[in-house]
Amino acid sequence: MAGVITVILMLSFIGIWIWLWDRRHVKKFDALARLPMEDREDT
């Protein structure tokens, strides 16, 4: 049973990793990563 849970968790991790590195998400995450560095006029 522990082996099955390990495989399920490993596949979940790999699935999330692939989803995050999808080109659409990489562009979105790059934009969000630059957000704190941008100047704001209202502060």
PDB file of N, CA and C in Angstrom:
ATOM      1  N   MET A   1       0.820  -1.200   0.000  1.00  0.00           N
ATOM      2  CA  MET A   1       0.000   0.000   0.000  1.00  0.00           C
ATOM      3  C   MET A   1       0.860   1.259   0.000  1.00  0.00           C
ATOM      4  N   ALA A   2       1.952   1.249   0.739  1.00  0.00           N
ATOM      5  CA  ALA A   2       2.827   2.419   0.788  1.00  0.00           C
ATOM      6  C   ALA A   2       3.437   2.697  -0.581  1.00  0.00           C
ATOM      7  N   GLY A   3       3.731   1.631  -1.323  1.00  0.00           N
ATOM      8  CA  GLY A   3       4.284   1.808  -2.664  1.00  0.00           C
ATOM      9  C   GLY A   3       3.308   2.481  -3.611  1.00  0.00           C
ATOM     10  N   VAL A   4       2.038   2.137  -3.492  1.00  0.00           N
ATOM     11  CA  VAL A   4       1.004   2.738  -4.340  1.00  0.00           C
ATOM     12  C   VAL A   4       0.875   4.226  -4.027  1.00  0.00           C
ATOM     13  N   ILE A   5       0.873   4.567  -2.762  1.00  0.00           N
ATOM     14  CA  ILE A   5       0.781   5.970  -2.355  1.00  0.00           C
ATOM     15  C   ILE A   5       1.997   6.745  -2.849  1.00  0.00           C
ATOM     16  N   THR A   6       3.169   6.139  -2.761  1.00  0.00           N
ATOM     17  CA  THR A   6       4.388   6.781  -3.242  1.00  0.00           C
ATOM     18  C   THR A   6       4.302   7.064  -4.739  1.00  0.00           C
ATOM     19  N   VAL A   7       3.825   6.105  -5.504  1.00  0.00           N
ATOM     20  CA  VAL A   7       3.694   6.283  -6.952  1.00  0.00           C
ATOM     21  C   VAL A   7       2.676   7.374  -7.270  1.00  0.00           C
ATOM     22  N   ILE A   8       1.560   7.388  -6.570  1.00  0.00           N
ATOM     23  CA  ILE A   8       0.536   8.411  -6.794  1.00  0.00           C
ATOM     24  C   ILE A   8       1.086   9.798  -6.486  1.00  0.00           C
ATOM     25  N   LEU A   9       1.785   9.936  -5.380  1.00  0.00           N
ATOM     26  CA  LEU A   9       2.359  11.232  -5.025  1.00  0.00           C
ATOM     27  C   LEU A   9       3.431  11.662  -6.023  1.00  0.00           C
ATOM     28  N   MET A  10       4.239  10.726  -6.486  1.00  0.00           N
ATOM     29  CA  MET A  10       5.276  11.042  -7.461  1.00  0.00           C
ATOM     30  C   MET A  10       4.653  11.494  -8.783  1.00  0.00           C
ATOM     31  N   LEU A  11       3.615  10.793  -9.238  1.00  0.00           N
ATOM     32  CA  LEU A  11       2.938  11.191 -10.469  1.00  0.00           C
ATOM     33  C   LEU A  11       2.249  12.546 -10.314  1.00  0.00           C
ATOM     34  N   SER A  12       1.701  12.809  -9.141  1.00  0.00           N
ATOM     35  CA  SER A  12       1.087  14.113  -8.884  1.00  0.00           C
ATOM     36  C   SER A  12       2.131  15.218  -8.946  1.00  0.00           C
ATOM     37  N   PHE A  13       3.274  14.988  -8.346  1.00  0.00           N
ATOM     38  CA  PHE A  13       4.358  15.964  -8.361  1.00  0.00           C
ATOM     39  C   PHE A  13       4.810  16.239  -9.791  1.00  0.00           C
ATOM     40  N   ILE A  14       5.008  15.195 -10.571  1.00  0.00           N
ATOM     41  CA  ILE A  14       5.445  15.357 -11.958  1.00  0.00           C
ATOM     42  C   ILE A  14       4.374  16.083 -12.775  1.00  0.00           C
ATOM     43  N   GLY A  15       3.110  15.758 -12.546  1.00  0.00           N
ATOM     44  CA  GLY A  15       2.022  16.432 -13.252  1.00  0.00           C
ATOM     45  C   GLY A  15       1.965  17.916 -12.943  1.00  0.00           C
ATOM     46  N   ILE A  16       2.116  18.275 -11.682  1.00  0.00           N
ATOM     47  CA  ILE A  16       2.119  19.690 -11.298  1.00  0.00           C
ATOM     48  C   ILE A  16       3.325  20.395 -11.898  1.00  0.00           C
ATOM     49  N   TRP A  17       4.476  19.738 -11.882  1.00  0.00           N
ATOM     50  CA  TRP A  17       5.699  20.316 -12.439  1.00  0.00           C
ATOM     51  C   TRP A  17       5.531  20.589 -13.932  1.00  0.00           C
ATOM     52  N   ILE A  18       4.952  19.648 -14.669  1.00  0.00           N
ATOM     53  CA  ILE A  18       4.720  19.837 -16.103  1.00  0.00           C
ATOM     54  C   ILE A  18       3.722  20.969 -16.329  1.00  0.00           C
ATOM     55  N   TRP A  19       2.682  21.022 -15.512  1.00  0.00           N
ATOM     56  CA  TRP A  19       1.674  22.072 -15.641  1.00  0.00           C
ATOM     57  C   TRP A  19       2.294  23.452 -15.410  1.00  0.00           C
ATOM     58  N   LEU A  20       3.173  23.560 -14.412  1.00  0.00           N
ATOM     59  CA  LEU A  20       3.796  24.843 -14.113  1.00  0.00           C
ATOM     60  C   LEU A  20       4.743  25.300 -15.210  1.00  0.00           C
ATOM     61  N   TRP A  21       5.411  24.378 -15.869  1.00  0.00           N
ATOM     62  CA  TRP A  21       6.377  24.745 -16.899  1.00  0.00           C
ATOM     63  C   TRP A  21       5.753  24.844 -18.280  1.00  0.00           C
ATOM     64  N   ASP A  22       4.435  24.772 -18.374  1.00  0.00           N
ATOM     65  CA  ASP A  22       3.754  25.003 -19.639  1.00  0.00           C
ATOM     66  C   ASP A  22       4.034  26.441 -20.071  1.00  0.00           C
ATOM     67  N   ARG A  23       4.220  26.670 -21.353  1.00  0.00           N
ATOM     68  CA  ARG A  23       4.608  27.999 -21.848  1.00  0.00           C
ATOM     69  C   ARG A  23       3.637  29.092 -21.411  1.00  0.00           C
ATOM     70  N   ARG A  24       2.363  28.800 -21.396  1.00  0.00           N
ATOM     71  CA  ARG A  24       1.386  29.812 -20.977  1.00  0.00           C
ATOM     72  C   ARG A  24       1.614  30.220 -19.534  1.00  0.00           C
ATOM     73  N   HIS A  25       1.926  29.265 -18.683  1.00  0.00           N
ATOM     74  CA  HIS A  25       2.111  29.570 -17.275  1.00  0.00           C
ATOM     75  C   HIS A  25       3.453  30.232 -17.006  1.00  0.00           C
ATOM     76  N   VAL A  26       4.483  29.872 -17.757  1.00  0.00           N
ATOM     77  CA  VAL A  26       5.800  30.477 -17.553  1.00  0.00           C
ATOM     78  C   VAL A  26       5.718  31.978 -17.805  1.00  0.00           C
ATOM     79  N   LYS A  27       5.037  32.390 -18.867  1.00  0.00           N
ATOM     80  CA  LYS A  27       4.893  33.819 -19.158  1.00  0.00           C
ATOM     81  C   LYS A  27       4.143  34.532 -18.034  1.00  0.00           C
ATOM     82  N   LYS A  28       3.090  33.914 -17.549  1.00  0.00           N
ATOM     83  CA  LYS A  28       2.298  34.517 -16.475  1.00  0.00           C
ATOM     84  C   LYS A  28       3.117  34.629 -15.191  1.00  0.00           C
ATOM     85  N   PHE A  29       3.851  33.569 -14.844  1.00  0.00           N
ATOM     86  CA  PHE A  29       4.648  33.587 -13.628  1.00  0.00           C
ATOM     87  C   PHE A  29       5.813  34.563 -13.734  1.00  0.00           C
ATOM     88  N   ASP A  30       6.398  34.710 -14.932  1.00  0.00           N
ATOM     89  CA  ASP A  30       7.455  35.701 -15.119  1.00  0.00           C
ATOM     90  C   ASP A  30       6.921  37.113 -14.891  1.00  0.00           C
ATOM     91  N   ALA A  31       5.731  37.386 -15.408  1.00  0.00           N
ATOM     92  CA  ALA A  31       5.120  38.699 -15.202  1.00  0.00           C
ATOM     93  C   ALA A  31       4.833  38.933 -13.722  1.00  0.00           C
ATOM     94  N   LEU A  32       4.355  37.924 -13.035  1.00  0.00           N
ATOM     95  CA  LEU A  32       4.081  38.060 -11.605  1.00  0.00           C
ATOM     96  C   LEU A  32       5.370  38.215 -10.802  1.00  0.00           C
ATOM     97  N   ALA A  33       6.449  37.585 -11.244  1.00  0.00           N
ATOM     98  CA  ALA A  33       7.724  37.695 -10.539  1.00  0.00           C
ATOM     99  C   ALA A  33       8.303  39.103 -10.670  1.00  0.00           C
ATOM    100  N   ARG A  34       8.034  39.776 -11.784  1.00  0.00           N
ATOM    101  CA  ARG A  34       8.538  41.137 -11.985  1.00  0.00           C
ATOM    102  C   ARG A  34       7.684  42.179 -11.279  1.00  0.00           C
ATOM    103  N   LEU A  35       6.508  41.822 -10.854  1.00  0.00           N
ATOM    104  CA  LEU A  35       5.567  42.763 -10.262  1.00  0.00           C
ATOM    105  C   LEU A  35       6.140  43.545  -9.073  1.00  0.00           C
ATOM    106  N   PRO A  36       6.834  42.919  -8.119  1.00  0.00           N
ATOM    107  CA  PRO A  36       7.360  43.692  -6.988  1.00  0.00           C
ATOM    108  C   PRO A  36       8.445  44.694  -7.388  1.00  0.00           C
ATOM    109  N   MET A  37       9.072  44.505  -8.537  1.00  0.00           N
ATOM    110  CA  MET A  37      10.152  45.385  -8.970  1.00  0.00           C
ATOM    111  C   MET A  37       9.650  46.613  -9.727  1.00  0.00           C
ATOM    112  N   GLU A  38       8.390  46.613 -10.119  1.00  0.00           N
ATOM    113  CA  GLU A  38       7.848  47.720 -10.898  1.00  0.00           C
ATOM    114  C   GLU A  38       7.532  48.902  -9.995  1.00  0.00           C
ATOM    115  N   ASP A  39       7.751  50.093 -10.542  1.00  0.00           N
ATOM    116  CA  ASP A  39       7.436  51.315  -9.803  1.00  0.00           C
ATOM    117  C   ASP A  39       5.935  51.556  -9.838  1.00  0.00           C
ATOM    118  N   ARG A  40       5.431  52.030  -8.718  1.00  0.00           N
ATOM    119  CA  ARG A  40       4.013  52.367  -8.645  1.00  0.00           C
ATOM    120  C   ARG A  40       3.894  53.862  -8.409  1.00  0.00           C
ATOM    121  N   GLU A  41       2.955  54.479  -9.071  1.00  0.00           N
ATOM    122  CA  GLU A  41       2.758  55.920  -8.960  1.00  0.00           C
ATOM    123  C   GLU A  41       1.977  56.310  -7.707  1.00  0.00           C
ATOM    124  N   ASP A  42       1.157  55.405  -7.180  1.00  0.00           N
ATOM    125  CA  ASP A  42       0.271  55.752  -6.069  1.00  0.00           C
ATOM    126  C   ASP A  42       0.907  55.594  -4.695  1.00  0.00           C
ATOM    127  N   THR A  43       2.181  55.238  -4.609  1.00  0.00           N
ATOM    128  CA  THR A  43       2.819  55.090  -3.291  1.00  0.00           C
ATOM    129  C   THR A  43       3.627  56.288  -2.923  1.00  0.00           C
TER     130      THR A  43
END
